[in-house]
Amino acid sequence: MSPGDVLFLYTDGVYDGTDNEERDTLETIMREHCQESAREICDTLLDHAVRKDARLRESGDSDLIDDKTVFIVKRT
């Protein structure tokens, strides 16, 4: 890894690989927050995932909610 690189690891509760629009959203979040600390990036991504869960609950799709883990490695 070079200085400034960010490694983003996550479980399928954050992104399951099936929704290209959701992938674009997560990539946008990463680009917008890449200058922040690893903890702040992680918190922002998890906040997004939790808000998505709330929408799933409201629509009656709570069975689609899964556990969430985000791990950020950032080389400074």
N, C-alpha and C. Protein backbone atom coordinates (compact mmCIF):
# COMPACT_ATOMS: atom_id res chain seq x y z
N MET A 1 0.84 -1.18 0.00
CA MET A 1 0.00 0.00 0.00
C MET A 1 0.89 1.24 0.00
N SER A 2 0.47 2.21 -0.76
CA SER A 2 1.18 3.49 -0.82
C SER A 2 0.53 4.48 0.13
N PRO A 3 1.26 5.51 0.54
CA PRO A 3 0.65 6.53 1.40
C PRO A 3 -0.63 7.09 0.77
N GLY A 4 -1.67 7.18 1.59
CA GLY A 4 -2.96 7.67 1.13
C GLY A 4 -3.91 6.59 0.66
N ASP A 5 -3.42 5.36 0.46
CA ASP A 5 -4.29 4.26 0.04
C ASP A 5 -5.20 3.84 1.18
N VAL A 6 -6.39 3.40 0.81
CA VAL A 6 -7.38 2.93 1.79
C VAL A 6 -7.86 1.55 1.34
N LEU A 7 -7.80 0.59 2.24
CA LEU A 7 -8.32 -0.76 2.00
C LEU A 7 -9.65 -0.86 2.73
N PHE A 8 -10.69 -1.25 2.00
CA PHE A 8 -12.05 -1.30 2.51
C PHE A 8 -12.50 -2.75 2.50
N LEU A 9 -12.70 -3.33 3.68
CA LEU A 9 -13.20 -4.70 3.82
C LEU A 9 -14.56 -4.64 4.51
N TYR A 10 -15.48 -5.48 4.05
CA TYR A 10 -16.83 -5.42 4.60
C TYR A 10 -17.51 -6.78 4.46
N THR A 11 -18.54 -6.98 5.25
CA THR A 11 -19.35 -8.19 5.13
C THR A 11 -20.54 -7.92 4.22
N ASP A 12 -21.24 -8.98 3.87
CA ASP A 12 -22.37 -8.83 2.96
C ASP A 12 -23.55 -8.09 3.58
N GLY A 13 -23.52 -7.83 4.85
CA GLY A 13 -24.55 -6.99 5.47
C GLY A 13 -24.40 -5.53 5.09
N VAL A 14 -23.22 -5.16 4.65
CA VAL A 14 -22.98 -3.80 4.17
C VAL A 14 -23.24 -3.74 2.67
N TYR A 15 -22.71 -4.69 1.93
CA TYR A 15 -22.94 -4.78 0.49
C TYR A 15 -22.80 -6.23 0.07
N ASP A 16 -23.85 -6.76 -0.58
CA ASP A 16 -23.84 -8.18 -0.92
C ASP A 16 -23.41 -8.46 -2.37
N GLY A 17 -23.07 -7.43 -3.11
CA GLY A 17 -22.56 -7.62 -4.46
C GLY A 17 -23.61 -7.71 -5.54
N THR A 18 -24.87 -7.50 -5.23
CA THR A 18 -25.91 -7.68 -6.24
C THR A 18 -26.50 -6.38 -6.77
N ASP A 19 -26.24 -5.27 -6.15
CA ASP A 19 -26.89 -4.00 -6.50
C ASP A 19 -25.83 -2.99 -6.95
N ASN A 20 -25.76 -2.75 -8.25
CA ASN A 20 -24.75 -1.82 -8.76
C ASN A 20 -24.95 -0.40 -8.27
N GLU A 21 -26.19 0.01 -8.08
CA GLU A 21 -26.46 1.36 -7.57
C GLU A 21 -25.92 1.51 -6.14
N GLU A 22 -26.12 0.49 -5.33
CA GLU A 22 -25.61 0.51 -3.96
C GLU A 22 -24.08 0.54 -3.96
N ARG A 23 -23.48 -0.21 -4.86
CA ARG A 23 -22.01 -0.20 -4.98
C ARG A 23 -21.52 1.20 -5.33
N ASP A 24 -22.19 1.85 -6.27
CA ASP A 24 -21.82 3.22 -6.64
C ASP A 24 -21.95 4.16 -5.45
N THR A 25 -23.00 3.98 -4.66
CA THR A 25 -23.21 4.81 -3.47
C THR A 25 -22.07 4.62 -2.48
N LEU A 26 -21.69 3.37 -2.22
CA LEU A 26 -20.59 3.11 -1.29
C LEU A 26 -19.27 3.68 -1.81
N GLU A 27 -19.04 3.58 -3.10
CA GLU A 27 -17.82 4.15 -3.68
C GLU A 27 -17.81 5.67 -3.55
N THR A 28 -18.97 6.29 -3.74
CA THR A 28 -19.09 7.74 -3.57
C THR A 28 -18.79 8.14 -2.13
N ILE A 29 -19.34 7.40 -1.18
CA ILE A 29 -19.08 7.68 0.23
C ILE A 29 -17.58 7.58 0.50
N MET A 30 -16.95 6.54 -0.02
CA MET A 30 -15.50 6.38 0.19
C MET A 30 -14.73 7.56 -0.40
N ARG A 31 -15.07 7.96 -1.62
CA ARG A 31 -14.36 9.09 -2.24
C ARG A 31 -14.56 10.38 -1.46
N GLU A 32 -15.78 10.61 -0.99
CA GLU A 32 -16.08 11.85 -0.26
C GLU A 32 -15.43 11.91 1.12
N HIS A 33 -15.10 10.76 1.69
CA HIS A 33 -14.58 10.72 3.06
C HIS A 33 -13.16 10.18 3.15
N CYS A 34 -12.49 9.97 2.04
CA CYS A 34 -11.18 9.32 2.05
C CYS A 34 -10.10 10.11 2.78
N GLN A 35 -10.30 11.39 2.97
CA GLN A 35 -9.32 12.21 3.70
C GLN A 35 -9.51 12.15 5.21
N GLU A 36 -10.61 11.56 5.65
CA GLU A 36 -10.89 11.44 7.08
C GLU A 36 -10.12 10.26 7.67
N SER A 37 -10.19 10.14 8.97
CA SER A 37 -9.53 9.01 9.63
C SER A 37 -10.24 7.71 9.28
N ALA A 38 -9.55 6.60 9.45
CA ALA A 38 -10.15 5.29 9.18
C ALA A 38 -11.41 5.11 10.02
N ARG A 39 -11.38 5.54 11.25
CA ARG A 39 -12.55 5.41 12.13
C ARG A 39 -13.74 6.21 11.60
N GLU A 40 -13.49 7.43 11.13
CA GLU A 40 -14.58 8.25 10.61
C GLU A 40 -15.16 7.66 9.32
N ILE A 41 -14.30 7.12 8.46
CA ILE A 41 -14.78 6.47 7.24
C ILE A 41 -15.65 5.28 7.61
N CYS A 42 -15.17 4.47 8.53
CA CYS A 42 -15.90 3.29 8.98
C CYS A 42 -17.27 3.68 9.55
N ASP A 43 -17.29 4.69 10.41
CA ASP A 43 -18.54 5.13 11.01
C ASP A 43 -19.53 5.62 9.95
N THR A 44 -19.04 6.34 8.96
CA THR A 44 -19.90 6.85 7.90
C THR A 44 -20.51 5.71 7.09
N LEU A 45 -19.69 4.71 6.76
CA LEU A 45 -20.19 3.56 6.00
C LEU A 45 -21.21 2.76 6.80
N LEU A 46 -20.94 2.56 8.08
CA LEU A 46 -21.89 1.82 8.92
C LEU A 46 -23.18 2.61 9.11
N ASP A 47 -23.09 3.93 9.26
CA ASP A 47 -24.29 4.76 9.37
C ASP A 47 -25.16 4.59 8.12
N HIS A 48 -24.52 4.58 6.96
CA HIS A 48 -25.26 4.39 5.71
C HIS A 48 -25.97 3.03 5.72
N ALA A 49 -25.26 1.99 6.12
CA ALA A 49 -25.84 0.65 6.14
C ALA A 49 -27.00 0.55 7.13
N VAL A 50 -26.89 1.21 8.28
CA VAL A 50 -27.96 1.18 9.29
C VAL A 50 -29.19 1.92 8.77
N ARG A 51 -28.98 3.04 8.06
CA ARG A 51 -30.12 3.75 7.47
C ARG A 51 -30.82 2.88 6.42
N LYS A 52 -30.03 2.12 5.67
CA LYS A 52 -30.60 1.19 4.69
C LYS A 52 -31.46 0.13 5.40
N ASP A 53 -30.99 -0.35 6.54
CA ASP A 53 -31.77 -1.31 7.34
C ASP A 53 -33.11 -0.72 7.77
N ALA A 54 -33.10 0.55 8.16
CA ALA A 54 -34.34 1.19 8.59
C ALA A 54 -35.34 1.22 7.43
N ARG A 55 -34.85 1.49 6.23
CA ARG A 55 -35.74 1.48 5.06
C ARG A 55 -36.28 0.06 4.81
N LEU A 56 -35.44 -0.94 5.00
CA LEU A 56 -35.90 -2.32 4.83
C LEU A 56 -36.97 -2.68 5.84
N ARG A 57 -36.80 -2.24 7.08
CA ARG A 57 -37.81 -2.51 8.12
C ARG A 57 -39.14 -1.85 7.75
N GLU A 58 -39.05 -0.59 7.31
CA GLU A 58 -40.26 0.16 6.96
C GLU A 58 -41.02 -0.48 5.79
N SER A 59 -40.28 -1.10 4.88
CA SER A 59 -40.91 -1.71 3.71
C SER A 59 -41.32 -3.17 3.96
N GLY A 60 -41.07 -3.66 5.19
CA GLY A 60 -41.45 -5.03 5.52
C GLY A 60 -40.45 -6.07 5.06
N ASP A 61 -39.23 -5.64 4.69
CA ASP A 61 -38.21 -6.56 4.22
C ASP A 61 -37.10 -6.78 5.25
N SER A 62 -37.47 -6.81 6.52
CA SER A 62 -36.45 -6.93 7.57
C SER A 62 -35.69 -8.25 7.50
N ASP A 63 -36.24 -9.25 6.78
CA ASP A 63 -35.52 -10.52 6.64
C ASP A 63 -34.26 -10.36 5.77
N LEU A 64 -34.13 -9.23 5.07
CA LEU A 64 -32.95 -8.97 4.24
C LEU A 64 -31.82 -8.32 5.04
N ILE A 65 -32.08 -7.98 6.30
CA ILE A 65 -31.07 -7.34 7.15
C ILE A 65 -30.08 -8.40 7.64
N ASP A 66 -28.80 -8.09 7.55
CA ASP A 66 -27.75 -9.02 7.92
C ASP A 66 -26.75 -8.29 8.83
N ASP A 67 -25.89 -9.06 9.48
CA ASP A 67 -24.87 -8.46 10.34
C ASP A 67 -23.94 -7.58 9.49
N LYS A 68 -23.29 -6.64 10.14
CA LYS A 68 -22.44 -5.68 9.44
C LYS A 68 -21.09 -5.57 10.10
N THR A 69 -20.07 -5.64 9.27
CA THR A 69 -18.71 -5.39 9.72
C THR A 69 -18.02 -4.59 8.64
N VAL A 70 -17.38 -3.51 9.04
CA VAL A 70 -16.55 -2.71 8.13
C VAL A 70 -15.18 -2.61 8.76
N PHE A 71 -14.17 -2.83 7.95
CA PHE A 71 -12.79 -2.75 8.42
C PHE A 71 -12.04 -1.86 7.43
N ILE A 72 -11.45 -0.79 7.93
CA ILE A 72 -10.72 0.15 7.09
C ILE A 72 -9.25 0.14 7.49
N VAL A 73 -8.38 -0.03 6.50
CA VAL A 73 -6.94 0.10 6.71
C VAL A 73 -6.52 1.28 5.86
N LYS A 74 -5.92 2.26 6.49
CA LYS A 74 -5.53 3.48 5.77
C LYS A 74 -4.05 3.75 6.04
N ARG A 75 -3.29 3.84 4.97
CA ARG A 75 -1.86 4.15 5.13
C ARG A 75 -1.67 5.65 5.04
N THR A 76 -1.07 6.20 6.06
CA THR A 76 -0.84 7.64 6.08
C THR A 76 0.61 7.97 5.77
